[in-house]
PDB file of all heavy atoms in Angstrom:
ATOM      1  N   LEU A   1     -17.720   3.264   3.253  1.00  0.00           N
ATOM      2  CA  LEU A   1     -17.810   4.679   3.591  1.00  0.00           C
ATOM      3  C   LEU A   1     -19.053   5.294   2.955  1.00  0.00           C
ATOM      4  O   LEU A   1     -19.462   4.899   1.858  1.00  0.00           O
ATOM      5  CB  LEU A   1     -16.571   5.437   3.111  1.00  0.00           C
ATOM      6  CG  LEU A   1     -15.234   5.041   3.744  1.00  0.00           C
ATOM      7  CD1 LEU A   1     -14.099   5.804   3.089  1.00  0.00           C
ATOM      8  CD2 LEU A   1     -15.255   5.283   5.246  1.00  0.00           C
ATOM      9  N   LEU A   2     -19.599   6.270   3.623  1.00  0.00           N
ATOM     10  CA  LEU A   2     -20.735   7.017   3.099  1.00  0.00           C
ATOM     11  C   LEU A   2     -20.261   8.425   2.762  1.00  0.00           C
ATOM     12  O   LEU A   2     -19.665   9.101   3.607  1.00  0.00           O
ATOM     13  CB  LEU A   2     -21.862   7.070   4.141  1.00  0.00           C
ATOM     14  CG  LEU A   2     -23.074   7.945   3.788  1.00  0.00           C
ATOM     15  CD1 LEU A   2     -23.754   7.451   2.514  1.00  0.00           C
ATOM     16  CD2 LEU A   2     -24.062   7.967   4.956  1.00  0.00           C
ATOM     17  N   PHE A   3     -20.527   8.845   1.531  1.00  0.00           N
ATOM     18  CA  PHE A   3     -20.118  10.185   1.103  1.00  0.00           C
ATOM     19  C   PHE A   3     -21.253  11.159   1.320  1.00  0.00           C
ATOM     20  O   PHE A   3     -22.369  10.966   0.821  1.00  0.00           O
ATOM     21  CB  PHE A   3     -19.713  10.174  -0.366  1.00  0.00           C
ATOM     22  CG  PHE A   3     -19.293  11.530  -0.868  1.00  0.00           C
ATOM     23  CD1 PHE A   3     -18.230  12.203  -0.290  1.00  0.00           C
ATOM     24  CD2 PHE A   3     -19.971  12.142  -1.916  1.00  0.00           C
ATOM     25  CE1 PHE A   3     -17.842  13.460  -0.734  1.00  0.00           C
ATOM     26  CE2 PHE A   3     -19.588  13.386  -2.379  1.00  0.00           C
ATOM     27  CZ  PHE A   3     -18.524  14.052  -1.778  1.00  0.00           C
ATOM     28  N   ASP A   4     -20.973  12.201   2.085  1.00  0.00           N
ATOM     29  CA  ASP A   4     -21.918  13.291   2.324  1.00  0.00           C
ATOM     30  C   ASP A   4     -21.575  14.408   1.350  1.00  0.00           C
ATOM     31  O   ASP A   4     -20.643  15.182   1.576  1.00  0.00           O
ATOM     32  CB  ASP A   4     -21.788  13.762   3.779  1.00  0.00           C
ATOM     33  CG  ASP A   4     -22.794  14.847   4.139  1.00  0.00           C
ATOM     34  OD1 ASP A   4     -23.309  15.519   3.225  1.00  0.00           O
ATOM     35  OD2 ASP A   4     -23.053  15.033   5.345  1.00  0.00           O
ATOM     36  N   ALA A   5     -22.325  14.489   0.256  1.00  0.00           N
ATOM     37  CA  ALA A   5     -22.009  15.458  -0.800  1.00  0.00           C
ATOM     38  C   ALA A   5     -22.187  16.896  -0.327  1.00  0.00           C
ATOM     39  O   ALA A   5     -21.477  17.795  -0.775  1.00  0.00           O
ATOM     40  CB  ALA A   5     -22.878  15.186  -2.025  1.00  0.00           C
ATOM     41  N   GLN A   6     -23.119  17.136   0.588  1.00  0.00           N
ATOM     42  CA  GLN A   6     -23.352  18.497   1.059  1.00  0.00           C
ATOM     43  C   GLN A   6     -22.151  19.025   1.847  1.00  0.00           C
ATOM     44  O   GLN A   6     -21.788  20.197   1.734  1.00  0.00           O
ATOM     45  CB  GLN A   6     -24.613  18.546   1.924  1.00  0.00           C
ATOM     46  CG  GLN A   6     -25.897  18.348   1.130  1.00  0.00           C
ATOM     47  CD  GLN A   6     -27.130  18.539   1.992  1.00  0.00           C
ATOM     48  OE1 GLN A   6     -27.088  18.406   3.208  1.00  0.00           O
ATOM     49  NE2 GLN A   6     -28.249  18.859   1.348  1.00  0.00           N
ATOM     50  N   ARG A   7     -21.523  18.149   2.624  1.00  0.00           N
ATOM     51  CA  ARG A   7     -20.364  18.568   3.420  1.00  0.00           C
ATOM     52  C   ARG A   7     -19.046  18.229   2.743  1.00  0.00           C
ATOM     53  O   ARG A   7     -17.988  18.619   3.216  1.00  0.00           O
ATOM     54  CB  ARG A   7     -20.410  17.891   4.797  1.00  0.00           C
ATOM     55  CG  ARG A   7     -21.600  18.271   5.649  1.00  0.00           C
ATOM     56  CD  ARG A   7     -21.579  17.498   6.972  1.00  0.00           C
ATOM     57  NE  ARG A   7     -20.349  17.774   7.715  1.00  0.00           N
ATOM     58  CZ  ARG A   7     -19.717  16.860   8.459  1.00  0.00           C
ATOM     59  NH1 ARG A   7     -20.176  15.628   8.552  1.00  0.00           N
ATOM     60  NH2 ARG A   7     -18.610  17.184   9.109  1.00  0.00           N
ATOM     61  N   ASP A   8     -19.107  17.459   1.644  1.00  0.00           N
ATOM     62  CA  ASP A   8     -17.907  16.991   0.954  1.00  0.00           C
ATOM     63  C   ASP A   8     -17.019  16.197   1.922  1.00  0.00           C
ATOM     64  O   ASP A   8     -15.814  16.450   2.049  1.00  0.00           O
ATOM     65  CB  ASP A   8     -17.130  18.160   0.347  1.00  0.00           C
ATOM     66  CG  ASP A   8     -16.079  17.687  -0.654  1.00  0.00           C
ATOM     67  OD1 ASP A   8     -16.270  16.617  -1.253  1.00  0.00           O
ATOM     68  OD2 ASP A   8     -15.067  18.389  -0.823  1.00  0.00           O
ATOM     69  N   ILE A   9     -17.632  15.219   2.588  1.00  0.00           N
ATOM     70  CA  ILE A   9     -16.954  14.428   3.609  1.00  0.00           C
ATOM     71  C   ILE A   9     -17.387  12.968   3.486  1.00  0.00           C
ATOM     72  O   ILE A   9     -18.550  12.670   3.205  1.00  0.00           O
ATOM     73  CB  ILE A   9     -17.320  14.945   5.027  1.00  0.00           C
ATOM     74  CG1 ILE A   9     -16.646  16.284   5.313  1.00  0.00           C
ATOM     75  CG2 ILE A   9     -16.975  13.938   6.109  1.00  0.00           C
ATOM     76  CD1 ILE A   9     -15.170  16.203   5.592  1.00  0.00           C
ATOM     77  N   PHE A  10     -16.441  12.044   3.683  1.00  0.00           N
ATOM     78  CA  PHE A  10     -16.767  10.630   3.857  1.00  0.00           C
ATOM     79  C   PHE A  10     -16.826  10.330   5.354  1.00  0.00           C
ATOM     80  O   PHE A  10     -16.025  10.865   6.134  1.00  0.00           O
ATOM     81  CB  PHE A  10     -15.696   9.733   3.229  1.00  0.00           C
ATOM     82  CG  PHE A  10     -15.666   9.751   1.730  1.00  0.00           C
ATOM     83  CD1 PHE A  10     -14.849  10.645   1.050  1.00  0.00           C
ATOM     84  CD2 PHE A  10     -16.438   8.861   0.991  1.00  0.00           C
ATOM     85  CE1 PHE A  10     -14.801  10.665  -0.336  1.00  0.00           C
ATOM     86  CE2 PHE A  10     -16.399   8.869  -0.400  1.00  0.00           C
ATOM     87  CZ  PHE A  10     -15.580   9.768  -1.059  1.00  0.00           C
ATOM     88  N   ILE A  11     -17.752   9.466   5.752  1.00  0.00           N
ATOM     89  CA  ILE A  11     -17.825   9.044   7.149  1.00  0.00           C
ATOM     90  C   ILE A  11     -17.769   7.519   7.219  1.00  0.00           C
ATOM     91  O   ILE A  11     -18.197   6.814   6.296  1.00  0.00           O
ATOM     92  CB  ILE A  11     -19.092   9.561   7.855  1.00  0.00           C
ATOM     93  CG1 ILE A  11     -20.361   9.065   7.137  1.00  0.00           C
ATOM     94  CG2 ILE A  11     -19.077  11.073   7.950  1.00  0.00           C
ATOM     95  CD1 ILE A  11     -21.651   9.431   7.877  1.00  0.00           C
ATOM     96  N   GLY A  12     -17.222   7.023   8.338  1.00  0.00           N
ATOM     97  CA  GLY A  12     -17.141   5.579   8.537  1.00  0.00           C
ATOM     98  C   GLY A  12     -16.609   5.274   9.922  1.00  0.00           C
ATOM     99  O   GLY A  12     -16.387   6.179  10.742  1.00  0.00           O
ATOM    100  N   HIS A  13     -16.405   4.009  10.206  1.00  0.00           N
ATOM    101  CA  HIS A  13     -15.812   3.613  11.485  1.00  0.00           C
ATOM    102  C   HIS A  13     -14.998   2.340  11.286  1.00  0.00           C
ATOM    103  O   HIS A  13     -15.225   1.566  10.346  1.00  0.00           O
ATOM    104  CB  HIS A  13     -16.874   3.412  12.571  1.00  0.00           C
ATOM    105  CG  HIS A  13     -17.883   2.338  12.270  1.00  0.00           C
ATOM    106  ND1 HIS A  13     -17.612   0.986  12.359  1.00  0.00           N
ATOM    107  CD2 HIS A  13     -19.177   2.424  11.883  1.00  0.00           C
ATOM    108  CE1 HIS A  13     -18.676   0.298  12.043  1.00  0.00           C
ATOM    109  NE2 HIS A  13     -19.649   1.142  11.747  1.00  0.00           N
ATOM    110  N   VAL A  14     -14.022   2.144  12.168  1.00  0.00           N
ATOM    111  CA  VAL A  14     -13.163   0.961  12.150  1.00  0.00           C
ATOM    112  C   VAL A  14     -12.973   0.481  13.582  1.00  0.00           C
ATOM    113  O   VAL A  14     -13.280   1.197  14.548  1.00  0.00           O
ATOM    114  CB  VAL A  14     -11.777   1.266  11.523  1.00  0.00           C
ATOM    115  CG1 VAL A  14     -11.907   1.636  10.067  1.00  0.00           C
ATOM    116  CG2 VAL A  14     -11.059   2.367  12.297  1.00  0.00           C
ATOM    117  N   ALA A  15     -12.444  -0.732  13.739  1.00  0.00           N
ATOM    118  CA  ALA A  15     -12.067  -1.211  15.060  1.00  0.00           C
ATOM    119  C   ALA A  15     -10.981  -0.311  15.634  1.00  0.00           C
ATOM    120  O   ALA A  15     -10.132   0.200  14.903  1.00  0.00           O
ATOM    121  CB  ALA A  15     -11.580  -2.657  14.976  1.00  0.00           C
ATOM    122  N   LYS A  16     -10.984  -0.109  16.924  1.00  0.00           N
ATOM    123  CA  LYS A  16     -10.077   0.863  17.541  1.00  0.00           C
ATOM    124  C   LYS A  16      -8.607   0.475  17.389  1.00  0.00           C
ATOM    125  O   LYS A  16      -7.733   1.341  17.477  1.00  0.00           O
ATOM    126  CB  LYS A  16     -10.415   1.057  19.014  1.00  0.00           C
ATOM    127  CG  LYS A  16     -10.173  -0.152  19.898  1.00  0.00           C
ATOM    128  CD  LYS A  16     -10.511   0.164  21.347  1.00  0.00           C
ATOM    129  CE  LYS A  16     -10.234  -1.012  22.272  1.00  0.00           C
ATOM    130  NZ  LYS A  16     -10.572  -0.692  23.682  1.00  0.00           N
ATOM    131  N   TYR A  17      -8.318  -0.811  17.131  1.00  0.00           N
ATOM    132  CA  TYR A  17      -6.926  -1.239  16.950  1.00  0.00           C
ATOM    133  C   TYR A  17      -6.475  -1.097  15.502  1.00  0.00           C
ATOM    134  O   TYR A  17      -5.330  -1.374  15.165  1.00  0.00           O
ATOM    135  CB  TYR A  17      -6.725  -2.676  17.424  1.00  0.00           C
ATOM    136  CG  TYR A  17      -7.640  -3.682  16.774  1.00  0.00           C
ATOM    137  CD1 TYR A  17      -7.380  -4.177  15.494  1.00  0.00           C
ATOM    138  CD2 TYR A  17      -8.779  -4.142  17.427  1.00  0.00           C
ATOM    139  CE1 TYR A  17      -8.224  -5.092  14.887  1.00  0.00           C
ATOM    140  CE2 TYR A  17      -9.622  -5.070  16.830  1.00  0.00           C
ATOM    141  CZ  TYR A  17      -9.347  -5.541  15.568  1.00  0.00           C
ATOM    142  OH  TYR A  17     -10.193  -6.437  14.976  1.00  0.00           O
ATOM    143  N   ASN A  18      -7.362  -0.645  14.602  1.00  0.00           N
ATOM    144  CA  ASN A  18      -6.995  -0.419  13.208  1.00  0.00           C
ATOM    145  C   ASN A  18      -5.967   0.713  13.134  1.00  0.00           C
ATOM    146  O   ASN A  18      -6.112   1.727  13.819  1.00  0.00           O
ATOM    147  CB  ASN A  18      -8.246  -0.052  12.405  1.00  0.00           C
ATOM    148  CG  ASN A  18      -8.018  -0.008  10.910  1.00  0.00           C
ATOM    149  OD1 ASN A  18      -7.216   0.777  10.421  1.00  0.00           O
ATOM    150  ND2 ASN A  18      -8.731  -0.835  10.176  1.00  0.00           N
ATOM    151  N   PRO A  19      -4.910   0.566  12.321  1.00  0.00           N
ATOM    152  CA  PRO A  19      -3.890   1.633  12.213  1.00  0.00           C
ATOM    153  C   PRO A  19      -4.458   2.997  11.853  1.00  0.00           C
ATOM    154  O   PRO A  19      -3.859   4.031  12.179  1.00  0.00           O
ATOM    155  CB  PRO A  19      -2.950   1.121  11.127  1.00  0.00           C
ATOM    156  CG  PRO A  19      -3.122  -0.357  11.125  1.00  0.00           C
ATOM    157  CD  PRO A  19      -4.554  -0.613  11.504  1.00  0.00           C
ATOM    158  N   LEU A  20      -5.620   3.038  11.199  1.00  0.00           N
ATOM    159  CA  LEU A  20      -6.231   4.325  10.870  1.00  0.00           C
ATOM    160  C   LEU A  20      -6.519   5.154  12.120  1.00  0.00           C
ATOM    161  O   LEU A  20      -6.545   6.385  12.066  1.00  0.00           O
ATOM    162  CB  LEU A  20      -7.541   4.104  10.108  1.00  0.00           C
ATOM    163  CG  LEU A  20      -7.478   4.069   8.583  1.00  0.00           C
ATOM    164  CD1 LEU A  20      -8.824   3.687   8.011  1.00  0.00           C
ATOM    165  CD2 LEU A  20      -7.027   5.417   8.032  1.00  0.00           C
ATOM    166  N   SER A  21      -6.729   4.477  13.238  1.00  0.00           N
ATOM    167  CA  SER A  21      -7.045   5.181  14.482  1.00  0.00           C
ATOM    168  C   SER A  21      -5.899   6.066  14.955  1.00  0.00           C
ATOM    169  O   SER A  21      -6.093   6.920  15.825  1.00  0.00           O
ATOM    170  CB  SER A  21      -7.398   4.173  15.579  1.00  0.00           C
ATOM    171  OG  SER A  21      -8.509   3.386  15.199  1.00  0.00           O
ATOM    172  N   LEU A  22      -4.715   5.860  14.389  1.00  0.00           N
ATOM    173  CA  LEU A  22      -3.533   6.621  14.798  1.00  0.00           C
ATOM    174  C   LEU A  22      -3.159   7.715  13.800  1.00  0.00           C
ATOM    175  O   LEU A  22      -2.119   8.348  13.941  1.00  0.00           O
ATOM    176  CB  LEU A  22      -2.339   5.673  14.979  1.00  0.00           C
ATOM    177  CG  LEU A  22      -2.545   4.503  15.947  1.00  0.00           C
ATOM    178  CD1 LEU A  22      -1.332   3.583  15.925  1.00  0.00           C
ATOM    179  CD2 LEU A  22      -2.826   4.999  17.351  1.00  0.00           C
ATOM    180  N   LEU A  23      -4.007   7.930  12.793  1.00  0.00           N
ATOM    181  CA  LEU A  23      -3.639   8.827  11.696  1.00  0.00           C
ATOM    182  C   LEU A  23      -4.426  10.131  11.685  1.00  0.00           C
ATOM    183  O   LEU A  23      -4.619  10.735  10.627  1.00  0.00           O
ATOM    184  CB  LEU A  23      -3.821   8.102  10.355  1.00  0.00           C
ATOM    185  CG  LEU A  23      -2.945   6.865  10.138  1.00  0.00           C
ATOM    186  CD1 LEU A  23      -3.204   6.273   8.760  1.00  0.00           C
ATOM    187  CD2 LEU A  23      -1.466   7.216  10.291  1.00  0.00           C
ATOM    188  N   ASP A  24      -4.873  10.586  12.835  1.00  0.00           N
ATOM    189  CA  ASP A  24      -5.621  11.831  12.891  1.00  0.00           C
ATOM    190  C   ASP A  24      -4.797  12.975  12.282  1.00  0.00           C
ATOM    191  O   ASP A  24      -3.646  13.207  12.656  1.00  0.00           O
ATOM    192  CB  ASP A  24      -5.971  12.159  14.346  1.00  0.00           C
ATOM    193  CG  ASP A  24      -6.964  13.302  14.463  1.00  0.00           C
ATOM    194  OD1 ASP A  24      -7.762  13.478  13.533  1.00  0.00           O
ATOM    195  OD2 ASP A  24      -6.938  14.012  15.484  1.00  0.00           O
ATOM    196  N   GLY A  25      -5.392  13.669  11.314  1.00  0.00           N
ATOM    197  CA  GLY A  25      -4.724  14.790  10.665  1.00  0.00           C
ATOM    198  C   GLY A  25      -3.807  14.415   9.519  1.00  0.00           C
ATOM    199  O   GLY A  25      -3.266  15.302   8.851  1.00  0.00           O
ATOM    200  N   GLN A  26      -3.630  13.124   9.269  1.00  0.00           N
ATOM    201  CA  GLN A  26      -2.743  12.701   8.187  1.00  0.00           C
ATOM    202  C   GLN A  26      -3.545  12.397   6.915  1.00  0.00           C
ATOM    203  O   GLN A  26      -4.777  12.310   6.932  1.00  0.00           O
ATOM    204  CB  GLN A  26      -1.936  11.469   8.615  1.00  0.00           C
ATOM    205  CG  GLN A  26      -1.014  11.730   9.795  1.00  0.00           C
ATOM    206  CD  GLN A  26      -0.058  10.579  10.040  1.00  0.00           C
ATOM    207  OE1 GLN A  26       0.558  10.040   9.121  1.00  0.00           O
ATOM    208  NE2 GLN A  26       0.069  10.182  11.308  1.00  0.00           N
ATOM    209  N   SER A  27      -2.820  12.206   5.830  1.00  0.00           N
ATOM    210  CA  SER A  27      -3.432  11.998   4.519  1.00  0.00           C
ATOM    211  C   SER A  27      -3.382  10.521   4.130  1.00  0.00           C
ATOM    212  O   SER A  27      -2.377   9.839   4.367  1.00  0.00           O
ATOM    213  CB  SER A  27      -2.715  12.843   3.466  1.00  0.00           C
ATOM    214  OG  SER A  27      -3.286  12.661   2.193  1.00  0.00           O
ATOM    215  N   VAL A  28      -4.474  10.041   3.543  1.00  0.00           N
ATOM    216  CA  VAL A  28      -4.542   8.669   3.039  1.00  0.00           C
ATOM    217  C   VAL A  28      -5.182   8.693   1.655  1.00  0.00           C
ATOM    218  O   VAL A  28      -5.745   9.709   1.227  1.00  0.00           O
ATOM    219  CB  VAL A  28      -5.371   7.753   3.976  1.00  0.00           C
ATOM    220  CG1 VAL A  28      -4.730   7.656   5.357  1.00  0.00           C
ATOM    221  CG2 VAL A  28      -6.815   8.245   4.080  1.00  0.00           C
TER     222      VAL A  28
END
């Protein structure tokens, strides 16, 4: 993951079948 300190956000990507793809709006 890349941390964008100005926006206080991490960005990244995963394969579309990764369970993370189903967690929009949830906490991890």
